[in-house]
Amino acid sequence: MNLIVYFSHKGENYVSGAIKTLEKGNTAIVAEKIQTLTGGDLFEIVPVREYSNSYYKCIEEAKTELNENARPKYRPLNIDIARYDKVFLCYPNWWGTMPMCVCTFLEDYDFSGKKIFPVCTNEGSGMGSSVRDLKRLLGNAEVDAGLSIHGAKASASIDAIKKYLSGVL
């Protein structure tokens, strides 16, 4: 059974060289497409203290968390991880890796024996070091090389997602 877990940021985002306000974050759009194509269960990581809607404030918050190796709390998800074989983990690339609230989530569950499929939205920086960081955090899970989606193309990413899914499922 497939599990899709994502963190996404709406509000001001950097999109194709400009700051734009998004009603729905790019990663949420991609995660929903994966859920539609796989039929899996979808959960959103929502930080207890939400990140600023201001792009520049948000990236400073994210940078501080990364530098401090922080583990921000998130609202309870009540996921029974044992029910799932495959986990699609969707997140934006913040400062070259996944947001720290995603790390908190990963450390709260036992992913031993699971197949992890990272899906990273970004504006040109690709997966960054997130796959390496995932392998470090999830030593007992199998971590795929993942899928990088250009955030500005999230709404039109269905073909890229289908191609990726056909290669991994």
N, C-alpha and C. Protein backbone atom coordinates (compact mmCIF):
# COMPACT_ATOMS: atom_id res chain seq x y z
N MET A 1 0.85 -1.18 0.00
CA MET A 1 0.00 0.00 0.00
C MET A 1 0.89 1.24 0.00
N ASN A 2 0.43 2.28 -0.68
CA ASN A 2 1.21 3.51 -0.82
C ASN A 2 0.78 4.59 0.17
N LEU A 3 1.77 5.28 0.71
CA LEU A 3 1.56 6.43 1.58
C LEU A 3 2.21 7.62 0.91
N ILE A 4 1.50 8.72 0.85
CA ILE A 4 2.05 9.96 0.33
C ILE A 4 2.01 10.97 1.47
N VAL A 5 3.18 11.45 1.87
CA VAL A 5 3.30 12.45 2.93
C VAL A 5 4.02 13.65 2.34
N TYR A 6 3.50 14.84 2.62
CA TYR A 6 4.12 16.02 2.04
C TYR A 6 4.11 17.20 2.99
N PHE A 7 5.09 18.08 2.76
CA PHE A 7 5.10 19.40 3.36
C PHE A 7 5.14 20.38 2.20
N SER A 8 4.31 21.41 2.27
CA SER A 8 4.25 22.40 1.21
C SER A 8 4.07 23.78 1.82
N HIS A 9 4.55 24.79 1.11
CA HIS A 9 4.42 26.17 1.60
C HIS A 9 3.61 26.99 0.61
N LYS A 10 2.48 27.51 1.09
CA LYS A 10 1.71 28.43 0.26
C LYS A 10 2.05 29.85 0.70
N GLY A 11 1.49 30.82 0.03
CA GLY A 11 1.85 32.21 0.28
C GLY A 11 2.92 32.62 -0.70
N GLU A 12 3.78 33.54 -0.31
CA GLU A 12 4.82 34.00 -1.22
C GLU A 12 5.86 32.90 -1.45
N ASN A 13 6.15 32.67 -2.72
CA ASN A 13 7.15 31.69 -3.14
C ASN A 13 7.95 32.27 -4.28
N TYR A 14 9.16 31.76 -4.44
CA TYR A 14 10.00 32.14 -5.57
C TYR A 14 9.60 31.25 -6.74
N VAL A 15 9.11 31.85 -7.82
CA VAL A 15 8.63 31.09 -8.97
C VAL A 15 9.18 31.72 -10.24
N SER A 16 9.99 30.98 -10.95
CA SER A 16 10.54 31.43 -12.24
C SER A 16 11.14 32.82 -12.18
N GLY A 17 11.92 33.08 -11.15
CA GLY A 17 12.65 34.34 -11.05
C GLY A 17 11.90 35.49 -10.40
N ALA A 18 10.70 35.25 -9.90
CA ALA A 18 9.92 36.32 -9.27
C ALA A 18 9.20 35.78 -8.03
N ILE A 19 8.86 36.68 -7.13
CA ILE A 19 8.09 36.30 -5.96
C ILE A 19 6.61 36.36 -6.35
N LYS A 20 5.92 35.22 -6.14
CA LYS A 20 4.50 35.13 -6.46
C LYS A 20 3.77 34.55 -5.26
N THR A 21 2.52 34.95 -5.09
CA THR A 21 1.70 34.41 -4.01
C THR A 21 0.92 33.21 -4.54
N LEU A 22 1.11 32.08 -3.87
CA LEU A 22 0.44 30.84 -4.26
C LEU A 22 -0.66 30.49 -3.28
N GLU A 23 -1.84 30.22 -3.80
CA GLU A 23 -2.96 29.78 -2.95
C GLU A 23 -2.71 28.37 -2.42
N LYS A 24 -2.02 27.57 -3.23
CA LYS A 24 -1.66 26.20 -2.85
C LYS A 24 -0.19 26.03 -3.22
N GLY A 25 0.57 25.47 -2.32
CA GLY A 25 2.00 25.27 -2.58
C GLY A 25 2.25 24.26 -3.69
N ASN A 26 3.36 24.43 -4.38
CA ASN A 26 3.73 23.54 -5.48
C ASN A 26 3.84 22.08 -5.04
N THR A 27 4.38 21.85 -3.87
CA THR A 27 4.55 20.48 -3.40
C THR A 27 3.21 19.82 -3.13
N ALA A 28 2.24 20.58 -2.62
CA ALA A 28 0.89 20.04 -2.40
C ALA A 28 0.28 19.60 -3.73
N ILE A 29 0.47 20.39 -4.76
CA ILE A 29 -0.06 20.06 -6.09
C ILE A 29 0.54 18.74 -6.57
N VAL A 30 1.84 18.59 -6.45
CA VAL A 30 2.52 17.37 -6.89
C VAL A 30 2.08 16.17 -6.06
N ALA A 31 2.00 16.33 -4.74
CA ALA A 31 1.59 15.22 -3.86
C ALA A 31 0.18 14.75 -4.21
N GLU A 32 -0.71 15.68 -4.48
CA GLU A 32 -2.08 15.31 -4.85
C GLU A 32 -2.11 14.54 -6.17
N LYS A 33 -1.25 14.91 -7.11
CA LYS A 33 -1.18 14.18 -8.38
C LYS A 33 -0.68 12.75 -8.14
N ILE A 34 0.31 12.59 -7.28
CA ILE A 34 0.81 11.25 -6.95
C ILE A 34 -0.29 10.43 -6.30
N GLN A 35 -1.02 11.04 -5.39
CA GLN A 35 -2.12 10.33 -4.72
C GLN A 35 -3.18 9.90 -5.73
N THR A 36 -3.52 10.75 -6.67
CA THR A 36 -4.50 10.40 -7.69
C THR A 36 -4.01 9.23 -8.54
N LEU A 37 -2.74 9.24 -8.90
CA LEU A 37 -2.19 8.19 -9.76
C LEU A 37 -1.93 6.88 -9.04
N THR A 38 -1.62 6.92 -7.74
CA THR A 38 -1.28 5.68 -7.01
C THR A 38 -2.43 5.15 -6.17
N GLY A 39 -3.41 6.01 -5.88
CA GLY A 39 -4.49 5.59 -5.01
C GLY A 39 -4.08 5.47 -3.56
N GLY A 40 -2.94 5.98 -3.20
CA GLY A 40 -2.46 5.89 -1.83
C GLY A 40 -3.13 6.85 -0.88
N ASP A 41 -2.76 6.75 0.38
CA ASP A 41 -3.27 7.64 1.43
C ASP A 41 -2.39 8.88 1.49
N LEU A 42 -3.02 10.04 1.64
CA LEU A 42 -2.34 11.33 1.59
C LEU A 42 -2.39 12.01 2.95
N PHE A 43 -1.22 12.44 3.44
CA PHE A 43 -1.12 13.17 4.70
C PHE A 43 -0.24 14.39 4.50
N GLU A 44 -0.61 15.50 5.15
CA GLU A 44 0.18 16.73 5.08
C GLU A 44 0.88 16.98 6.40
N ILE A 45 2.16 17.30 6.34
CA ILE A 45 2.92 17.73 7.51
C ILE A 45 2.64 19.23 7.69
N VAL A 46 2.00 19.58 8.80
CA VAL A 46 1.66 20.98 9.09
C VAL A 46 2.38 21.38 10.37
N PRO A 47 3.37 22.26 10.27
CA PRO A 47 4.09 22.68 11.47
C PRO A 47 3.17 23.35 12.49
N VAL A 48 3.46 23.13 13.76
CA VAL A 48 2.69 23.78 14.82
C VAL A 48 2.86 25.30 14.69
N ARG A 49 4.10 25.73 14.48
CA ARG A 49 4.36 27.15 14.22
C ARG A 49 4.60 27.27 12.73
N GLU A 50 3.59 27.77 12.06
CA GLU A 50 3.68 27.85 10.60
C GLU A 50 4.75 28.85 10.17
N TYR A 51 5.33 28.58 9.03
CA TYR A 51 6.33 29.47 8.46
C TYR A 51 5.64 30.74 7.95
N SER A 52 6.38 31.81 7.92
CA SER A 52 5.85 33.09 7.46
C SER A 52 5.34 32.99 6.03
N ASN A 53 4.28 33.73 5.72
CA ASN A 53 3.80 33.81 4.35
C ASN A 53 4.72 34.67 3.49
N SER A 54 5.52 35.52 4.12
CA SER A 54 6.49 36.35 3.41
C SER A 54 7.65 35.47 2.96
N TYR A 55 7.96 35.48 1.69
CA TYR A 55 9.04 34.64 1.16
C TYR A 55 10.36 34.89 1.88
N TYR A 56 10.73 36.15 2.01
CA TYR A 56 12.04 36.46 2.60
C TYR A 56 12.10 36.09 4.08
N LYS A 57 11.02 36.29 4.81
CA LYS A 57 11.01 35.86 6.22
C LYS A 57 11.05 34.34 6.31
N CYS A 58 10.31 33.68 5.44
CA CYS A 58 10.25 32.22 5.45
C CYS A 58 11.63 31.62 5.20
N ILE A 59 12.36 32.13 4.21
CA ILE A 59 13.66 31.54 3.94
C ILE A 59 14.66 31.80 5.07
N GLU A 60 14.49 32.91 5.77
CA GLU A 60 15.35 33.16 6.93
C GLU A 60 15.00 32.20 8.07
N GLU A 61 13.71 31.95 8.29
CA GLU A 61 13.29 30.97 9.30
C GLU A 61 13.86 29.59 8.96
N ALA A 62 13.75 29.21 7.69
CA ALA A 62 14.25 27.91 7.25
C ALA A 62 15.76 27.81 7.42
N LYS A 63 16.47 28.88 7.11
CA LYS A 63 17.93 28.90 7.24
C LYS A 63 18.34 28.76 8.70
N THR A 64 17.65 29.47 9.58
CA THR A 64 17.94 29.37 11.01
C THR A 64 17.72 27.95 11.51
N GLU A 65 16.60 27.34 11.13
CA GLU A 65 16.32 25.97 11.54
C GLU A 65 17.39 25.01 11.05
N LEU A 66 17.81 25.17 9.80
CA LEU A 66 18.84 24.29 9.24
C LEU A 66 20.15 24.47 10.00
N ASN A 67 20.56 25.70 10.22
CA ASN A 67 21.82 25.97 10.93
C ASN A 67 21.80 25.44 12.36
N GLU A 68 20.63 25.44 12.98
CA GLU A 68 20.49 24.95 14.36
C GLU A 68 20.15 23.46 14.42
N ASN A 69 20.01 22.82 13.24
CA ASN A 69 19.57 21.43 13.17
C ASN A 69 18.30 21.23 13.99
N ALA A 70 17.39 22.18 13.88
CA ALA A 70 16.15 22.20 14.66
C ALA A 70 15.22 21.07 14.24
N ARG A 71 14.32 20.74 15.13
CA ARG A 71 13.28 19.75 14.84
C ARG A 71 11.92 20.37 15.21
N PRO A 72 11.40 21.22 14.31
CA PRO A 72 10.12 21.88 14.59
C PRO A 72 8.98 20.86 14.71
N LYS A 73 8.12 21.09 15.66
CA LYS A 73 6.98 20.20 15.87
C LYS A 73 5.95 20.41 14.77
N TYR A 74 5.17 19.37 14.53
CA TYR A 74 4.10 19.42 13.54
C TYR A 74 2.83 18.86 14.18
N ARG A 75 1.69 19.18 13.57
CA ARG A 75 0.42 18.67 14.08
C ARG A 75 0.37 17.15 13.92
N PRO A 76 -0.23 16.45 14.89
CA PRO A 76 -0.27 14.98 14.85
C PRO A 76 -0.89 14.45 13.55
N LEU A 77 -0.30 13.37 13.04
CA LEU A 77 -0.80 12.75 11.81
C LEU A 77 -1.50 11.42 12.04
N ASN A 78 -1.15 10.73 13.11
CA ASN A 78 -1.76 9.43 13.41
C ASN A 78 -1.70 8.47 12.24
N ILE A 79 -0.50 8.25 11.73
CA ILE A 79 -0.28 7.33 10.63
C ILE A 79 0.18 5.99 11.20
N ASP A 80 -0.42 4.91 10.73
CA ASP A 80 0.04 3.57 11.07
C ASP A 80 1.02 3.14 9.98
N ILE A 81 2.28 3.46 10.18
CA ILE A 81 3.32 3.22 9.18
C ILE A 81 3.39 1.74 8.79
N ALA A 82 3.08 0.85 9.70
CA ALA A 82 3.16 -0.59 9.41
C ALA A 82 2.25 -1.00 8.25
N ARG A 83 1.24 -0.21 7.94
CA ARG A 83 0.30 -0.54 6.86
C ARG A 83 0.89 -0.31 5.46
N TYR A 84 2.02 0.38 5.37
CA TYR A 84 2.53 0.83 4.08
C TYR A 84 3.87 0.20 3.73
N ASP A 85 4.02 -0.15 2.46
CA ASP A 85 5.29 -0.66 1.94
C ASP A 85 6.09 0.46 1.30
N LYS A 86 5.36 1.35 0.62
CA LYS A 86 5.98 2.41 -0.17
C LYS A 86 5.54 3.76 0.36
N VAL A 87 6.52 4.66 0.51
CA VAL A 87 6.25 6.00 1.04
C VAL A 87 6.78 7.03 0.05
N PHE A 88 5.88 7.84 -0.48
CA PHE A 88 6.25 8.97 -1.31
C PHE A 88 6.37 10.17 -0.38
N LEU A 89 7.57 10.69 -0.26
CA LEU A 89 7.84 11.81 0.63
C LEU A 89 8.09 13.04 -0.24
N CYS A 90 7.18 14.00 -0.15
CA CYS A 90 7.22 15.17 -1.02
C CYS A 90 7.53 16.42 -0.20
N TYR A 91 8.45 17.24 -0.71
CA TYR A 91 8.91 18.41 0.03
C TYR A 91 9.57 19.39 -0.93
N PRO A 92 9.63 20.67 -0.56
CA PRO A 92 10.40 21.64 -1.35
C PRO A 92 11.87 21.58 -0.96
N ASN A 93 12.72 22.01 -1.86
CA ASN A 93 14.15 22.12 -1.56
C ASN A 93 14.36 23.48 -0.87
N TRP A 94 14.67 23.43 0.40
CA TRP A 94 14.98 24.64 1.17
C TRP A 94 16.43 24.56 1.59
N TRP A 95 17.24 25.49 1.11
CA TRP A 95 18.66 25.58 1.46
C TRP A 95 19.39 24.28 1.14
N GLY A 96 19.01 23.65 0.03
CA GLY A 96 19.75 22.49 -0.45
C GLY A 96 19.30 21.15 0.10
N THR A 97 18.24 21.13 0.90
CA THR A 97 17.75 19.87 1.45
C THR A 97 16.27 20.02 1.78
N MET A 98 15.73 19.07 2.51
CA MET A 98 14.32 19.14 2.90
C MET A 98 14.14 20.07 4.10
N PRO A 99 12.96 20.66 4.26
CA PRO A 99 12.70 21.49 5.45
C PRO A 99 12.85 20.65 6.73
N MET A 100 13.25 21.30 7.78
CA MET A 100 13.53 20.59 9.03
C MET A 100 12.29 19.95 9.66
N CYS A 101 11.10 20.47 9.39
CA CYS A 101 9.89 19.82 9.91
C CYS A 101 9.70 18.44 9.27
N VAL A 102 10.23 18.24 8.06
CA VAL A 102 10.19 16.92 7.43
C VAL A 102 11.12 15.97 8.19
N CYS A 103 12.27 16.46 8.61
CA CYS A 103 13.19 15.64 9.41
C CYS A 103 12.53 15.22 10.72
N THR A 104 11.80 16.13 11.35
CA THR A 104 11.08 15.80 12.58
C THR A 104 10.14 14.63 12.34
N PHE A 105 9.35 14.74 11.27
CA PHE A 105 8.41 13.66 10.91
C PHE A 105 9.16 12.34 10.72
N LEU A 106 10.24 12.37 9.97
CA LEU A 106 10.97 11.13 9.67
C LEU A 106 11.52 10.47 10.93
N GLU A 107 11.94 11.28 11.90
CA GLU A 107 12.49 10.72 13.14
C GLU A 107 11.41 10.22 14.09
N ASP A 108 10.16 10.59 13.84
CA ASP A 108 9.06 10.16 14.71
C ASP A 108 8.48 8.80 14.35
N TYR A 109 8.85 8.25 13.20
CA TYR A 109 8.29 6.97 12.75
C TYR A 109 9.41 6.01 12.40
N ASP A 110 9.08 4.72 12.41
CA ASP A 110 10.04 3.68 12.06
C ASP A 110 9.80 3.27 10.60
N PHE A 111 10.74 3.61 9.75
CA PHE A 111 10.63 3.31 8.32
C PHE A 111 11.43 2.08 7.92
N SER A 112 11.82 1.26 8.88
CA SER A 112 12.59 0.05 8.60
C SER A 112 11.87 -0.80 7.56
N GLY A 113 12.61 -1.20 6.53
CA GLY A 113 12.06 -2.08 5.51
C GLY A 113 11.15 -1.39 4.49
N LYS A 114 10.96 -0.11 4.61
CA LYS A 114 10.09 0.62 3.68
C LYS A 114 10.89 1.09 2.47
N LYS A 115 10.21 1.28 1.37
CA LYS A 115 10.80 1.88 0.17
C LYS A 115 10.36 3.33 0.16
N ILE A 116 11.32 4.26 0.17
CA ILE A 116 11.04 5.69 0.23
C ILE A 116 11.31 6.30 -1.15
N PHE A 117 10.32 7.04 -1.64
CA PHE A 117 10.43 7.72 -2.94
C PHE A 117 10.39 9.22 -2.69
N PRO A 118 11.56 9.89 -2.67
CA PRO A 118 11.58 11.33 -2.45
C PRO A 118 11.12 12.07 -3.71
N VAL A 119 10.29 13.08 -3.50
CA VAL A 119 9.83 13.94 -4.59
C VAL A 119 10.04 15.38 -4.12
N CYS A 120 10.92 16.09 -4.83
CA CYS A 120 11.35 17.40 -4.38
C CYS A 120 10.99 18.47 -5.40
N THR A 121 10.23 19.48 -4.96
CA THR A 121 9.96 20.63 -5.82
C THR A 121 11.04 21.67 -5.57
N ASN A 122 11.39 22.37 -6.63
CA ASN A 122 12.48 23.34 -6.53
C ASN A 122 12.42 24.27 -7.72
N GLU A 123 13.20 25.32 -7.66
CA GLU A 123 13.26 26.28 -8.77
C GLU A 123 14.58 26.18 -9.53
N GLY A 124 15.13 24.97 -9.61
CA GLY A 124 16.34 24.75 -10.38
C GLY A 124 17.46 24.10 -9.61
N SER A 125 17.29 23.91 -8.30
CA SER A 125 18.35 23.33 -7.48
C SER A 125 18.23 21.82 -7.34
N GLY A 126 17.25 21.23 -7.99
CA GLY A 126 17.11 19.78 -7.97
C GLY A 126 16.88 19.21 -6.57
N MET A 127 17.38 18.02 -6.37
CA MET A 127 17.20 17.31 -5.10
C MET A 127 18.14 17.83 -4.01
N GLY A 128 19.17 18.61 -4.41
CA GLY A 128 20.14 19.07 -3.43
C GLY A 128 20.77 17.87 -2.74
N SER A 129 20.99 17.97 -1.44
CA SER A 129 21.56 16.86 -0.67
C SER A 129 20.47 16.04 0.02
N SER A 130 19.22 16.26 -0.35
CA SER A 130 18.12 15.63 0.40
C SER A 130 18.14 14.11 0.34
N VAL A 131 18.51 13.51 -0.79
CA VAL A 131 18.53 12.04 -0.86
C VAL A 131 19.60 11.50 0.08
N ARG A 132 20.78 12.11 0.07
CA ARG A 132 21.84 11.69 1.00
C ARG A 132 21.37 11.87 2.45
N ASP A 133 20.71 13.01 2.72
CA ASP A 133 20.21 13.27 4.07
C ASP A 133 19.14 12.26 4.48
N LEU A 134 18.30 11.89 3.54
CA LEU A 134 17.28 10.86 3.83
C LEU A 134 17.93 9.53 4.17
N LYS A 135 18.92 9.14 3.40
CA LYS A 135 19.61 7.87 3.66
C LYS A 135 20.26 7.87 5.04
N ARG A 136 20.78 9.03 5.44
CA ARG A 136 21.39 9.14 6.77
C ARG A 136 20.33 9.01 7.86
N LEU A 137 19.19 9.66 7.67
CA LEU A 137 18.12 9.63 8.67
C LEU A 137 17.39 8.29 8.72
N LEU A 138 17.30 7.63 7.56
CA LEU A 138 16.50 6.41 7.45
C LEU A 138 17.38 5.22 7.09
N GLY A 139 18.35 4.94 7.91
CA GLY A 139 19.31 3.89 7.63
C GLY A 139 18.72 2.53 7.32
N ASN A 140 17.55 2.22 7.85
CA ASN A 140 16.94 0.90 7.65
C ASN A 140 15.86 0.90 6.58
N ALA A 141 15.81 1.96 5.79
CA ALA A 141 14.85 2.04 4.69
C ALA A 141 15.61 2.10 3.38
N GLU A 142 14.95 1.70 2.31
CA GLU A 142 15.54 1.81 0.98
C GLU A 142 15.07 3.14 0.38
N VAL A 143 16.01 4.02 0.08
CA VAL A 143 15.69 5.35 -0.42
C VAL A 143 16.02 5.42 -1.91
N ASP A 144 15.01 5.68 -2.72
CA ASP A 144 15.15 5.82 -4.16
C ASP A 144 15.87 7.13 -4.50
N ALA A 145 16.39 7.24 -5.71
CA ALA A 145 17.05 8.47 -6.16
C ALA A 145 16.08 9.65 -6.25
N GLY A 146 14.80 9.38 -6.41
CA GLY A 146 13.79 10.41 -6.32
C GLY A 146 13.45 11.11 -7.62
N LEU A 147 12.54 12.05 -7.50
CA LEU A 147 12.03 12.84 -8.62
C LEU A 147 12.12 14.31 -8.26
N SER A 148 12.74 15.07 -9.15
CA SER A 148 12.83 16.52 -9.00
C SER A 148 11.82 17.17 -9.94
N ILE A 149 10.98 18.03 -9.38
CA ILE A 149 9.96 18.73 -10.17
C ILE A 149 10.21 20.23 -10.06
N HIS A 150 10.33 20.89 -11.19
CA HIS A 150 10.46 22.35 -11.19
C HIS A 150 9.14 22.92 -10.66
N GLY A 151 9.21 23.67 -9.57
CA GLY A 151 8.01 24.17 -8.90
C GLY A 151 7.07 24.94 -9.80
N ALA A 152 7.62 25.76 -10.67
CA ALA A 152 6.77 26.55 -11.57
C ALA A 152 5.98 25.67 -12.53
N LYS A 153 6.41 24.42 -12.68
CA LYS A 153 5.73 23.49 -13.59
C LYS A 153 4.92 22.43 -12.83
N ALA A 154 4.70 22.65 -11.55
CA ALA A 154 3.99 21.66 -10.72
C ALA A 154 2.63 21.31 -11.29
N SER A 155 1.88 22.31 -11.72
CA SER A 155 0.53 22.06 -12.25
C SER A 155 0.55 21.23 -13.52
N ALA A 156 1.64 21.31 -14.26
CA ALA A 156 1.75 20.58 -15.53
C ALA A 156 2.71 19.38 -15.42
N SER A 157 2.88 18.85 -14.22
CA SER A 157 3.89 17.81 -13.98
C SER A 157 3.38 16.39 -14.14
N ILE A 158 2.14 16.20 -14.55
CA ILE A 158 1.54 14.87 -14.56
C ILE A 158 2.34 13.88 -15.41
N ASP A 159 2.83 14.30 -16.58
CA ASP A 159 3.59 13.37 -17.44
C ASP A 159 4.91 12.96 -16.78
N ALA A 160 5.60 13.91 -16.17
CA ALA A 160 6.85 13.58 -15.47
C ALA A 160 6.59 12.63 -14.31
N ILE A 161 5.50 12.85 -13.60
CA ILE A 161 5.16 11.96 -12.47
C ILE A 161 4.81 10.57 -12.98
N LYS A 162 4.00 10.49 -14.04
CA LYS A 162 3.65 9.18 -14.61
C LYS A 162 4.90 8.42 -15.05
N LYS A 163 5.81 9.12 -15.71
CA LYS A 163 7.05 8.49 -16.16
C LYS A 163 7.85 7.95 -14.97
N TYR A 164 7.97 8.76 -13.93
CA TYR A 164 8.69 8.34 -12.73
C TYR A 164 8.01 7.12 -12.09
N LEU A 165 6.69 7.19 -11.92
CA LEU A 165 5.96 6.09 -11.30
C LEU A 165 6.11 4.80 -12.09
N SER A 166 6.09 4.90 -13.42
CA SER A 166 6.21 3.69 -14.24
C SER A 166 7.57 3.03 -14.05
N GLY A 167 8.57 3.81 -13.66
CA GLY A 167 9.90 3.25 -13.44
C GLY A 167 10.14 2.71 -12.05
N VAL A 168 9.31 3.09 -11.10
CA VAL A 168 9.56 2.66 -9.72
C VAL A 168 8.48 1.74 -9.13
N LEU A 169 7.31 1.73 -9.72
CA LEU A 169 6.23 0.88 -9.17
C LEU A 169 6.06 -0.40 -9.97
